[in-house]
């Protein structure tokens, strides 16, 4: 059964940006695309466990702030060295301006 967890209001995430969300001892990253869609991934880089919310979002890519590894935040796919392990992704929904992720 899917458990939807409230994260924030949709206005808390700027277009083409990311926020950190901590829940039950885990860290997640929640993104807003240039088109206004919302996405969620694990919040730590698979290379050295750095918080991705401190990284740079450009188009559909999150760049890790430590070694500049890149991921497609829509699919979790690793896109550039030194990262080679994909991120887990999570379903997101917007209910009346409230962002929720399925955990």
PDB file of N, CA and C in Angstrom:
ATOM      1  N   UNK A   1       0.842  -1.185   0.000  1.00  0.00           N
ATOM      2  CA  UNK A   1       0.000   0.000   0.000  1.00  0.00           C
ATOM      3  C   UNK A   1       0.886   1.247   0.000  1.00  0.00           C
ATOM      4  N   UNK A   2       0.541   2.213  -0.822  1.00  0.00           N
ATOM      5  CA  UNK A   2       1.298   3.451  -0.926  1.00  0.00           C
ATOM      6  C   UNK A   2       0.954   4.364   0.238  1.00  0.00           C
ATOM      7  N   UNK A   3       2.008   4.905   0.854  1.00  0.00           N
ATOM      8  CA  UNK A   3       1.840   5.855   1.955  1.00  0.00           C
ATOM      9  C   UNK A   3       2.288   7.228   1.463  1.00  0.00           C
ATOM     10  N   UNK A   4       1.357   8.158   1.319  1.00  0.00           N
ATOM     11  CA  UNK A   4       1.667   9.500   0.852  1.00  0.00           C
ATOM     12  C   UNK A   4       2.042  10.381   2.037  1.00  0.00           C
ATOM     13  N   UNK A   5       3.198  11.011   1.939  1.00  0.00           N
ATOM     14  CA  UNK A   5       3.730  11.829   3.019  1.00  0.00           C
ATOM     15  C   UNK A   5       3.749  13.297   2.571  1.00  0.00           C
ATOM     16  N   UNK A   6       3.163  14.201   3.376  1.00  0.00           N
ATOM     17  CA  UNK A   6       3.194  15.615   3.011  1.00  0.00           C
ATOM     18  C   UNK A   6       4.609  16.180   3.137  1.00  0.00           C
ATOM     19  N   UNK A   7       4.991  16.989   2.149  1.00  0.00           N
ATOM     20  CA  UNK A   7       6.342  17.559   2.111  1.00  0.00           C
ATOM     21  C   UNK A   7       6.315  19.061   2.359  1.00  0.00           C
ATOM     22  N   UNK A   8       5.520  19.787   1.547  1.00  0.00           N
ATOM     23  CA  UNK A   8       5.494  21.243   1.627  1.00  0.00           C
ATOM     24  C   UNK A   8       4.340  21.756   0.780  1.00  0.00           C
ATOM     25  N   UNK A   9       4.223  23.071   0.698  1.00  0.00           N
ATOM     26  CA  UNK A   9       3.281  23.692  -0.235  1.00  0.00           C
ATOM     27  C   UNK A   9       3.969  23.832  -1.581  1.00  0.00           C
ATOM     28  N   UNK A  10       3.208  23.813  -2.653  1.00  0.00           N
ATOM     29  CA  UNK A  10       3.826  23.909  -3.972  1.00  0.00           C
ATOM     30  C   UNK A  10       4.596  25.216  -4.178  1.00  0.00           C
ATOM     31  N   UNK A  11       4.198  26.271  -3.500  1.00  0.00           N
ATOM     32  CA  UNK A  11       4.889  27.549  -3.626  1.00  0.00           C
ATOM     33  C   UNK A  11       6.222  27.593  -2.873  1.00  0.00           C
ATOM     34  N   UNK A  12       6.506  26.560  -2.081  1.00  0.00           N
ATOM     35  CA  UNK A  12       7.775  26.503  -1.340  1.00  0.00           C
ATOM     36  C   UNK A  12       8.954  26.094  -2.219  1.00  0.00           C
ATOM     37  N   UNK A  13       8.657  25.621  -3.429  1.00  0.00           N
ATOM     38  CA  UNK A  13       9.724  25.208  -4.355  1.00  0.00           C
ATOM     39  C   UNK A  13       9.630  26.082  -5.598  1.00  0.00           C
ATOM     40  N   UNK A  14      10.674  26.836  -5.853  1.00  0.00           N
ATOM     41  CA  UNK A  14      10.729  27.685  -7.040  1.00  0.00           C
ATOM     42  C   UNK A  14      10.823  26.820  -8.292  1.00  0.00           C
ATOM     43  N   UNK A  15      10.476  27.392  -9.423  1.00  0.00           N
ATOM     44  CA  UNK A  15      10.662  26.711 -10.700  1.00  0.00           C
ATOM     45  C   UNK A  15      12.143  26.401 -10.873  1.00  0.00           C
ATOM     46  N   UNK A  16      12.438  25.216 -11.381  1.00  0.00           N
ATOM     47  CA  UNK A  16      13.810  24.776 -11.649  1.00  0.00           C
ATOM     48  C   UNK A  16      14.666  24.850 -10.380  1.00  0.00           C
ATOM     49  N   UNK A  17      14.110  24.295  -9.283  1.00  0.00           N
ATOM     50  CA  UNK A  17      14.817  24.299  -8.003  1.00  0.00           C
ATOM     51  C   UNK A  17      14.580  22.982  -7.276  1.00  0.00           C
ATOM     52  N   UNK A  18      15.208  22.821  -6.114  1.00  0.00           N
ATOM     53  CA  UNK A  18      15.146  21.601  -5.315  1.00  0.00           C
ATOM     54  C   UNK A  18      15.115  21.981  -3.842  1.00  0.00           C
ATOM     55  N   UNK A  19      14.409  21.178  -3.039  1.00  0.00           N
ATOM     56  CA  UNK A  19      14.451  21.344  -1.588  1.00  0.00           C
ATOM     57  C   UNK A  19      14.781  19.994  -0.948  1.00  0.00           C
ATOM     58  N   UNK A  20      15.299  20.059   0.242  1.00  0.00           N
ATOM     59  CA  UNK A  20      15.591  18.867   1.035  1.00  0.00           C
ATOM     60  C   UNK A  20      14.381  18.535   1.892  1.00  0.00           C
ATOM     61  N   UNK A  21      14.102  17.226   1.997  1.00  0.00           N
ATOM     62  CA  UNK A  21      13.015  16.745   2.844  1.00  0.00           C
ATOM     63  C   UNK A  21      13.515  15.538   3.614  1.00  0.00           C
ATOM     64  N   UNK A  22      13.474  15.621   4.939  1.00  0.00           N
ATOM     65  CA  UNK A  22      13.901  14.524   5.809  1.00  0.00           C
ATOM     66  C   UNK A  22      12.674  13.862   6.421  1.00  0.00           C
ATOM     67  N   UNK A  23      12.679  12.528   6.413  1.00  0.00           N
ATOM     68  CA  UNK A  23      11.550  11.781   6.952  1.00  0.00           C
ATOM     69  C   UNK A  23      12.024  10.410   7.416  1.00  0.00           C
ATOM     70  N   UNK A  24      11.725  10.066   8.666  1.00  0.00           N
ATOM     71  CA  UNK A  24      12.074   8.759   9.240  1.00  0.00           C
ATOM     72  C   UNK A  24      13.548   8.393   9.030  1.00  0.00           C
ATOM     73  N   UNK A  25      14.437   9.348   9.259  1.00  0.00           N
ATOM     74  CA  UNK A  25      15.862   9.078   9.181  1.00  0.00           C
ATOM     75  C   UNK A  25      16.446   9.035   7.776  1.00  0.00           C
ATOM     76  N   UNK A  26      15.654   9.376   6.766  1.00  0.00           N
ATOM     77  CA  UNK A  26      16.135   9.385   5.376  1.00  0.00           C
ATOM     78  C   UNK A  26      15.993  10.782   4.807  1.00  0.00           C
ATOM     79  N   UNK A  27      16.807  11.076   3.820  1.00  0.00           N
ATOM     80  CA  UNK A  27      16.775  12.372   3.161  1.00  0.00           C
ATOM     81  C   UNK A  27      16.327  12.207   1.714  1.00  0.00           C
ATOM     82  N   UNK A  28      15.439  13.086   1.295  1.00  0.00           N
ATOM     83  CA  UNK A  28      14.912  13.090  -0.060  1.00  0.00           C
ATOM     84  C   UNK A  28      15.139  14.471  -0.671  1.00  0.00           C
ATOM     85  N   UNK A  29      15.128  14.529  -1.981  1.00  0.00           N
ATOM     86  CA  UNK A  29      15.188  15.793  -2.704  1.00  0.00           C
ATOM     87  C   UNK A  29      13.914  15.905  -3.526  1.00  0.00           C
ATOM     88  N   UNK A  30      13.258  17.056  -3.450  1.00  0.00           N
ATOM     89  CA  UNK A  30      12.018  17.285  -4.179  1.00  0.00           C
ATOM     90  C   UNK A  30      12.255  18.468  -5.129  1.00  0.00           C
ATOM     91  N   UNK A  31      11.940  18.260  -6.390  1.00  0.00           N
ATOM     92  CA  UNK A  31      12.275  19.191  -7.462  1.00  0.00           C
ATOM     93  C   UNK A  31      11.020  19.759  -8.110  1.00  0.00           C
ATOM     94  N   UNK A  32      11.186  20.961  -8.669  1.00  0.00           N
ATOM     95  CA  UNK A  32      10.128  21.543  -9.508  1.00  0.00           C
ATOM     96  C   UNK A  32      10.767  21.857 -10.859  1.00  0.00           C
ATOM     97  N   UNK A  33      10.237  21.234 -11.876  1.00  0.00           N
ATOM     98  CA  UNK A  33      10.798  21.383 -13.226  1.00  0.00           C
ATOM     99  C   UNK A  33      10.464  22.763 -13.793  1.00  0.00           C
ATOM    100  N   UNK A  34      11.119  23.144 -14.896  1.00  0.00           N
ATOM    101  CA  UNK A  34      10.784  24.413 -15.543  1.00  0.00           C
ATOM    102  C   UNK A  34       9.321  24.469 -16.011  1.00  0.00           C
ATOM    103  N   UNK A  35       8.713  23.292 -16.219  1.00  0.00           N
ATOM    104  CA  UNK A  35       7.305  23.223 -16.626  1.00  0.00           C
ATOM    105  C   UNK A  35       6.348  23.241 -15.434  1.00  0.00           C
ATOM    106  N   UNK A  36       6.884  23.272 -14.212  1.00  0.00           N
ATOM    107  CA  UNK A  36       6.041  23.312 -13.019  1.00  0.00           C
ATOM    108  C   UNK A  36       5.658  21.957 -12.465  1.00  0.00           C
ATOM    109  N   UNK A  37       6.230  20.865 -13.006  1.00  0.00           N
ATOM    110  CA  UNK A  37       5.958  19.522 -12.491  1.00  0.00           C
ATOM    111  C   UNK A  37       6.876  19.249 -11.289  1.00  0.00           C
ATOM    112  N   UNK A  38       6.452  18.320 -10.430  1.00  0.00           N
ATOM    113  CA  UNK A  38       7.217  17.977  -9.239  1.00  0.00           C
ATOM    114  C   UNK A  38       7.743  16.549  -9.331  1.00  0.00           C
ATOM    115  N   UNK A  39       8.966  16.346  -8.807  1.00  0.00           N
ATOM    116  CA  UNK A  39       9.641  15.051  -8.830  1.00  0.00           C
ATOM    117  C   UNK A  39      10.370  14.870  -7.507  1.00  0.00           C
ATOM    118  N   UNK A  40      10.658  13.608  -7.153  1.00  0.00           N
ATOM    119  CA  UNK A  40      11.398  13.330  -5.923  1.00  0.00           C
ATOM    120  C   UNK A  40      12.389  12.200  -6.151  1.00  0.00           C
ATOM    121  N   UNK A  41      13.559  12.335  -5.529  1.00  0.00           N
ATOM    122  CA  UNK A  41      14.596  11.303  -5.562  1.00  0.00           C
ATOM    123  C   UNK A  41      15.158  11.136  -4.164  1.00  0.00           C
ATOM    124  N   UNK A  42      16.022  10.135  -4.003  1.00  0.00           N
ATOM    125  CA  UNK A  42      16.827  10.092  -2.798  1.00  0.00           C
ATOM    126  C   UNK A  42      17.559  11.420  -2.697  1.00  0.00           C
ATOM    127  N   UNK A  43      17.823  11.857  -1.494  1.00  0.00           N
ATOM    128  CA  UNK A  43      18.408  13.172  -1.303  1.00  0.00           C
ATOM    129  C   UNK A  43      19.913  13.216  -1.232  1.00  0.00           C
ATOM    130  N   UNK A  44      20.552  12.048  -1.264  1.00  0.00           N
ATOM    131  CA  UNK A  44      22.003  12.000  -1.163  1.00  0.00           C
ATOM    132  C   UNK A  44      22.618  11.471  -2.449  1.00  0.00           C
ATOM    133  N   UNK A  45      23.696  12.092  -2.874  1.00  0.00           N
ATOM    134  CA  UNK A  45      24.415  11.644  -4.062  1.00  0.00           C
ATOM    135  C   UNK A  45      24.908  10.216  -3.853  1.00  0.00           C
ATOM    136  N   UNK A  46      24.826   9.413  -4.880  1.00  0.00           N
ATOM    137  CA  UNK A  46      25.253   8.010  -4.780  1.00  0.00           C
ATOM    138  C   UNK A  46      26.771   7.875  -4.807  1.00  0.00           C
ATOM    139  N   UNK A  47      27.486   8.943  -5.046  1.00  0.00           N
ATOM    140  CA  UNK A  47      28.941   8.898  -5.082  1.00  0.00           C
ATOM    141  C   UNK A  47      29.537   9.044  -3.689  1.00  0.00           C
ATOM    142  N   UNK A  48      29.183  10.130  -2.957  1.00  0.00           N
ATOM    143  CA  UNK A  48      29.752  10.340  -1.623  1.00  0.00           C
ATOM    144  C   UNK A  48      28.741  10.852  -0.609  1.00  0.00           C
ATOM    145  N   UNK A  49      27.467  10.562  -0.810  1.00  0.00           N
ATOM    146  CA  UNK A  49      26.408  10.878   0.151  1.00  0.00           C
ATOM    147  C   UNK A  49      26.333  12.358   0.523  1.00  0.00           C
ATOM    148  N   UNK A  50      26.519  13.240  -0.455  1.00  0.00           N
ATOM    149  CA  UNK A  50      26.377  14.681  -0.267  1.00  0.00           C
ATOM    150  C   UNK A  50      24.919  15.052  -0.543  1.00  0.00           C
ATOM    151  N   UNK A  51      24.393  16.027   0.200  1.00  0.00           N
ATOM    152  CA  UNK A  51      22.996  16.450   0.019  1.00  0.00           C
ATOM    153  C   UNK A  51      22.796  17.111  -1.340  1.00  0.00           C
ATOM    154  N   UNK A  52      21.934  16.518  -2.152  1.00  0.00           N
ATOM    155  CA  UNK A  52      21.677  17.052  -3.481  1.00  0.00           C
ATOM    156  C   UNK A  52      20.921  18.381  -3.446  1.00  0.00           C
ATOM    157  N   UNK A  53      20.198  18.653  -2.377  1.00  0.00           N
ATOM    158  CA  UNK A  53      19.452  19.908  -2.286  1.00  0.00           C
ATOM    159  C   UNK A  53      20.382  21.118  -2.275  1.00  0.00           C
ATOM    160  N   UNK A  54      21.666  20.898  -2.031  1.00  0.00           N
ATOM    161  CA  UNK A  54      22.647  21.985  -2.092  1.00  0.00           C
ATOM    162  C   UNK A  54      23.219  22.150  -3.493  1.00  0.00           C
ATOM    163  N   UNK A  55      22.757  21.318  -4.431  1.00  0.00           N
ATOM    164  CA  UNK A  55      23.281  21.325  -5.790  1.00  0.00           C
ATOM    165  C   UNK A  55      22.539  22.280  -6.706  1.00  0.00           C
ATOM    166  N   UNK A  56      22.928  22.236  -7.945  1.00  0.00           N
ATOM    167  CA  UNK A  56      22.386  23.119  -8.974  1.00  0.00           C
ATOM    168  C   UNK A  56      21.411  22.349  -9.862  1.00  0.00           C
ATOM    169  N   UNK A  57      20.219  22.919 -10.059  1.00  0.00           N
ATOM    170  CA  UNK A  57      19.219  22.337 -10.956  1.00  0.00           C
ATOM    171  C   UNK A  57      19.217  23.126 -12.258  1.00  0.00           C
ATOM    172  N   UNK A  58      19.392  22.414 -13.363  1.00  0.00           N
ATOM    173  CA  UNK A  58      19.306  23.019 -14.691  1.00  0.00           C
ATOM    174  C   UNK A  58      18.494  22.071 -15.566  1.00  0.00           C
ATOM    175  N   UNK A  59      17.392  22.598 -16.092  1.00  0.00           N
ATOM    176  CA  UNK A  59      16.475  21.793 -16.891  1.00  0.00           C
ATOM    177  C   UNK A  59      16.046  20.560 -16.096  1.00  0.00           C
ATOM    178  N   UNK A  60      16.397  19.338 -16.555  1.00  0.00           N
ATOM    179  CA  UNK A  60      15.995  18.100 -15.876  1.00  0.00           C
ATOM    180  C   UNK A  60      17.151  17.473 -15.105  1.00  0.00           C
ATOM    181  N   UNK A  61      18.177  18.263 -14.797  1.00  0.00           N
ATOM    182  CA  UNK A  61      19.385  17.725 -14.191  1.00  0.00           C
ATOM    183  C   UNK A  61      19.656  18.355 -12.832  1.00  0.00           C
ATOM    184  N   UNK A  62      20.071  17.515 -11.874  1.00  0.00           N
ATOM    185  CA  UNK A  62      20.598  17.991 -10.598  1.00  0.00           C
ATOM    186  C   UNK A  62      22.092  17.690 -10.605  1.00  0.00           C
ATOM    187  N   UNK A  63      22.877  18.689 -10.253  1.00  0.00           N
ATOM    188  CA  UNK A  63      24.332  18.523 -10.205  1.00  0.00           C
ATOM    189  C   UNK A  63      24.770  18.532  -8.754  1.00  0.00           C
ATOM    190  N   UNK A  64      25.475  17.492  -8.347  1.00  0.00           N
ATOM    191  CA  UNK A  64      25.964  17.370  -6.981  1.00  0.00           C
ATOM    192  C   UNK A  64      26.942  18.514  -6.690  1.00  0.00           C
ATOM    193  N   UNK A  65      26.823  19.145  -5.512  1.00  0.00           N
ATOM    194  CA  UNK A  65      27.685  20.276  -5.208  1.00  0.00           C
ATOM    195  C   UNK A  65      29.138  19.908  -4.897  1.00  0.00           C
ATOM    196  N   UNK A  66      29.424  18.647  -4.635  1.00  0.00           N
ATOM    197  CA  UNK A  66      30.790  18.291  -4.241  1.00  0.00           C
ATOM    198  C   UNK A  66      31.695  17.967  -5.425  1.00  0.00           C
ATOM    199  N   UNK A  67      31.300  17.030  -6.271  1.00  0.00           N
ATOM    200  CA  UNK A  67      32.153  16.613  -7.382  1.00  0.00           C
ATOM    201  C   UNK A  67      31.496  16.803  -8.746  1.00  0.00           C
ATOM    202  N   UNK A  68      30.375  17.517  -8.778  1.00  0.00           N
ATOM    203  CA  UNK A  68      29.683  17.857 -10.023  1.00  0.00           C
ATOM    204  C   UNK A  68      29.129  16.671 -10.798  1.00  0.00           C
ATOM    205  N   UNK A  69      28.893  15.540 -10.127  1.00  0.00           N
ATOM    206  CA  UNK A  69      28.188  14.448 -10.781  1.00  0.00           C
ATOM    207  C   UNK A  69      26.769  14.895 -11.085  1.00  0.00           C
ATOM    208  N   UNK A  70      26.192  14.377 -12.148  1.00  0.00           N
ATOM    209  CA  UNK A  70      24.866  14.810 -12.577  1.00  0.00           C
ATOM    210  C   UNK A  70      23.895  13.637 -12.676  1.00  0.00           C
ATOM    211  N   UNK A  71      22.641  13.945 -12.339  1.00  0.00           N
ATOM    212  CA  UNK A  71      21.553  12.972 -12.432  1.00  0.00           C
ATOM    213  C   UNK A  71      20.371  13.612 -13.145  1.00  0.00           C
ATOM    214  N   UNK A  72      19.612  12.804 -13.864  1.00  0.00           N
ATOM    215  CA  UNK A  72      18.308  13.207 -14.373  1.00  0.00           C
ATOM    216  C   UNK A  72      17.334  13.023 -13.210  1.00  0.00           C
ATOM    217  N   UNK A  73      16.801  14.101 -12.678  1.00  0.00           N
ATOM    218  CA  UNK A  73      15.941  13.980 -11.500  1.00  0.00           C
ATOM    219  C   UNK A  73      14.569  13.399 -11.830  1.00  0.00           C
ATOM    220  N   UNK A  74      14.204  13.336 -13.098  1.00  0.00           N
ATOM    221  CA  UNK A  74      12.920  12.730 -13.459  1.00  0.00           C
ATOM    222  C   UNK A  74      13.003  11.207 -13.445  1.00  0.00           C
ATOM    223  N   UNK A  75      14.149  10.672 -13.836  1.00  0.00           N
ATOM    224  CA  UNK A  75      14.321   9.213 -13.930  1.00  0.00           C
ATOM    225  C   UNK A  75      15.291   8.648 -12.903  1.00  0.00           C
ATOM    226  N   UNK A  76      16.118   9.512 -12.303  1.00  0.00           N
ATOM    227  CA  UNK A  76      17.148   9.077 -11.374  1.00  0.00           C
ATOM    228  C   UNK A  76      18.434   8.631 -12.050  1.00  0.00           C
ATOM    229  N   UNK A  77      18.468   8.637 -13.377  1.00  0.00           N
ATOM    230  CA  UNK A  77      19.622   8.128 -14.121  1.00  0.00           C
ATOM    231  C   UNK A  77      20.866   8.981 -13.895  1.00  0.00           C
ATOM    232  N   UNK A  78      21.984   8.297 -13.580  1.00  0.00           N
ATOM    233  CA  UNK A  78      23.281   8.961 -13.462  1.00  0.00           C
ATOM    234  C   UNK A  78      23.702   9.435 -14.843  1.00  0.00           C
ATOM    235  N   UNK A  79      24.136  10.705 -14.939  1.00  0.00           N
ATOM    236  CA  UNK A  79      24.445  11.291 -16.243  1.00  0.00           C
ATOM    237  C   UNK A  79      25.889  11.716 -16.417  1.00  0.00           C
ATOM    238  N   UNK A  80      26.665  11.705 -15.360  1.00  0.00           N
ATOM    239  CA  UNK A  80      28.032  12.164 -15.552  1.00  0.00           C
ATOM    240  C   UNK A  80      28.935  11.798 -14.407  1.00  0.00           C
ATOM    241  N   UNK A  81      30.181  11.498 -14.764  1.00  0.00           N
ATOM    242  CA  UNK A  81      31.188  11.125 -13.774  1.00  0.00           C
ATOM    243  C   UNK A  81      31.298  12.227 -12.722  1.00  0.00           C
ATOM    244  N   UNK A  82      31.543  11.841 -11.482  1.00  0.00           N
ATOM    245  CA  UNK A  82      31.956  10.523 -11.032  1.00  0.00           C
ATOM    246  C   UNK A  82      30.803   9.606 -10.623  1.00  0.00           C
ATOM    247  N   UNK A  83      29.550  10.026 -10.823  1.00  0.00           N
ATOM    248  CA  UNK A  83      28.441   9.161 -10.415  1.00  0.00           C
ATOM    249  C   UNK A  83      28.175   8.098 -11.475  1.00  0.00           C
ATOM    250  N   UNK A  84      27.910   6.882 -11.004  1.00  0.00           N
ATOM    251  CA  UNK A  84      27.584   5.788 -11.923  1.00  0.00           C
ATOM    252  C   UNK A  84      26.418   4.947 -11.404  1.00  0.00           C
ATOM    253  N   UNK A  85      25.933   5.255 -10.209  1.00  0.00           N
ATOM    254  CA  UNK A  85      24.790   4.556  -9.626  1.00  0.00           C
ATOM    255  C   UNK A  85      23.595   5.505  -9.660  1.00  0.00           C
ATOM    256  N   UNK A  86      22.482   5.032 -10.191  1.00  0.00           N
ATOM    257  CA  UNK A  86      21.276   5.844 -10.312  1.00  0.00           C
ATOM    258  C   UNK A  86      20.666   6.154  -8.950  1.00  0.00           C
ATOM    259  N   UNK A  87      19.870   7.211  -8.909  1.00  0.00           N
ATOM    260  CA  UNK A  87      19.094   7.559  -7.726  1.00  0.00           C
ATOM    261  C   UNK A  87      17.756   6.834  -7.754  1.00  0.00           C
ATOM    262  N   UNK A  88      17.232   6.512  -6.598  1.00  0.00           N
ATOM    263  CA  UNK A  88      15.852   6.030  -6.493  1.00  0.00           C
ATOM    264  C   UNK A  88      14.926   7.224  -6.700  1.00  0.00           C
ATOM    265  N   UNK A  89      13.820   7.011  -7.382  1.00  0.00           N
ATOM    266  CA  UNK A  89      12.821   8.061  -7.568  1.00  0.00           C
ATOM    267  C   UNK A  89      11.523   7.657  -6.871  1.00  0.00           C
ATOM    268  N   UNK A  90      10.692   8.649  -6.578  1.00  0.00           N
ATOM    269  CA  UNK A  90       9.462   8.419  -5.834  1.00  0.00           C
ATOM    270  C   UNK A  90       8.317   9.193  -6.493  1.00  0.00           C
ATOM    271  N   UNK A  91       7.127   8.590  -6.527  1.00  0.00           N
ATOM    272  CA  UNK A  91       5.976   9.303  -7.080  1.00  0.00           C
ATOM    273  C   UNK A  91       5.658  10.559  -6.255  1.00  0.00           C
ATOM    274  N   UNK A  92       5.226  11.593  -6.945  1.00  0.00           N
ATOM    275  CA  UNK A  92       4.871  12.864  -6.312  1.00  0.00           C
ATOM    276  C   UNK A  92       3.492  13.276  -6.818  1.00  0.00           C
ATOM    277  N   UNK A  93       2.719  13.879  -5.935  1.00  0.00           N
ATOM    278  CA  UNK A  93       1.452  14.454  -6.386  1.00  0.00           C
ATOM    279  C   UNK A  93       1.230  15.796  -5.693  1.00  0.00           C
ATOM    280  N   UNK A  94       0.471  16.622  -6.382  1.00  0.00           N
ATOM    281  CA  UNK A  94       0.113  17.926  -5.880  1.00  0.00           C
ATOM    282  C   UNK A  94      -1.390  17.906  -5.618  1.00  0.00           C
ATOM    283  N   UNK A  95      -1.764  17.963  -4.363  1.00  0.00           N
ATOM    284  CA  UNK A  95      -3.180  17.978  -3.988  1.00  0.00           C
ATOM    285  C   UNK A  95      -3.525  19.343  -3.414  1.00  0.00           C
ATOM    286  N   UNK A  96      -4.247  20.122  -4.193  1.00  0.00           N
ATOM    287  CA  UNK A  96      -4.705  21.439  -3.755  1.00  0.00           C
ATOM    288  C   UNK A  96      -3.564  22.289  -3.202  1.00  0.00           C
ATOM    289  N   UNK A  97      -2.418  22.258  -3.898  1.00  0.00           N
ATOM    290  CA  UNK A  97      -1.285  23.074  -3.498  1.00  0.00           C
ATOM    291  C   UNK A  97      -0.372  22.454  -2.468  1.00  0.00           C
ATOM    292  N   UNK A  98      -0.628  21.202  -2.091  1.00  0.00           N
ATOM    293  CA  UNK A  98       0.225  20.502  -1.130  1.00  0.00           C
ATOM    294  C   UNK A  98       0.979  19.385  -1.852  1.00  0.00           C
ATOM    295  N   UNK A  99       2.295  19.377  -1.717  1.00  0.00           N
ATOM    296  CA  UNK A  99       3.124  18.374  -2.367  1.00  0.00           C
ATOM    297  C   UNK A  99       3.271  17.178  -1.437  1.00  0.00           C
ATOM    298  N   UNK A 100       3.026  15.990  -1.980  1.00  0.00           N
ATOM    299  CA  UNK A 100       3.158  14.731  -1.237  1.00  0.00           C
ATOM    300  C   UNK A 100       4.021  13.760  -2.039  1.00  0.00           C
ATOM    301  N   UNK A 101       4.813  12.943  -1.330  1.00  0.00           N
ATOM    302  CA  UNK A 101       5.576  11.892  -2.024  1.00  0.00           C
ATOM    303  C   UNK A 101       5.160  10.543  -1.457  1.00  0.00           C
ATOM    304  N   UNK A 102       5.222   9.557  -2.327  1.00  0.00           N
ATOM    305  CA  UNK A 102       4.857   8.186  -1.948  1.00  0.00           C
ATOM    306  C   UNK A 102       6.092   7.467  -1.438  1.00  0.00           C
ATOM    307  N   UNK A 103       6.025   7.016  -0.192  1.00  0.00           N
ATOM    308  CA  UNK A 103       7.144   6.286   0.410  1.00  0.00           C
ATOM    309  C   UNK A 103       6.686   4.910   0.832  1.00  0.00           C
TER     310      UNK A 103
END
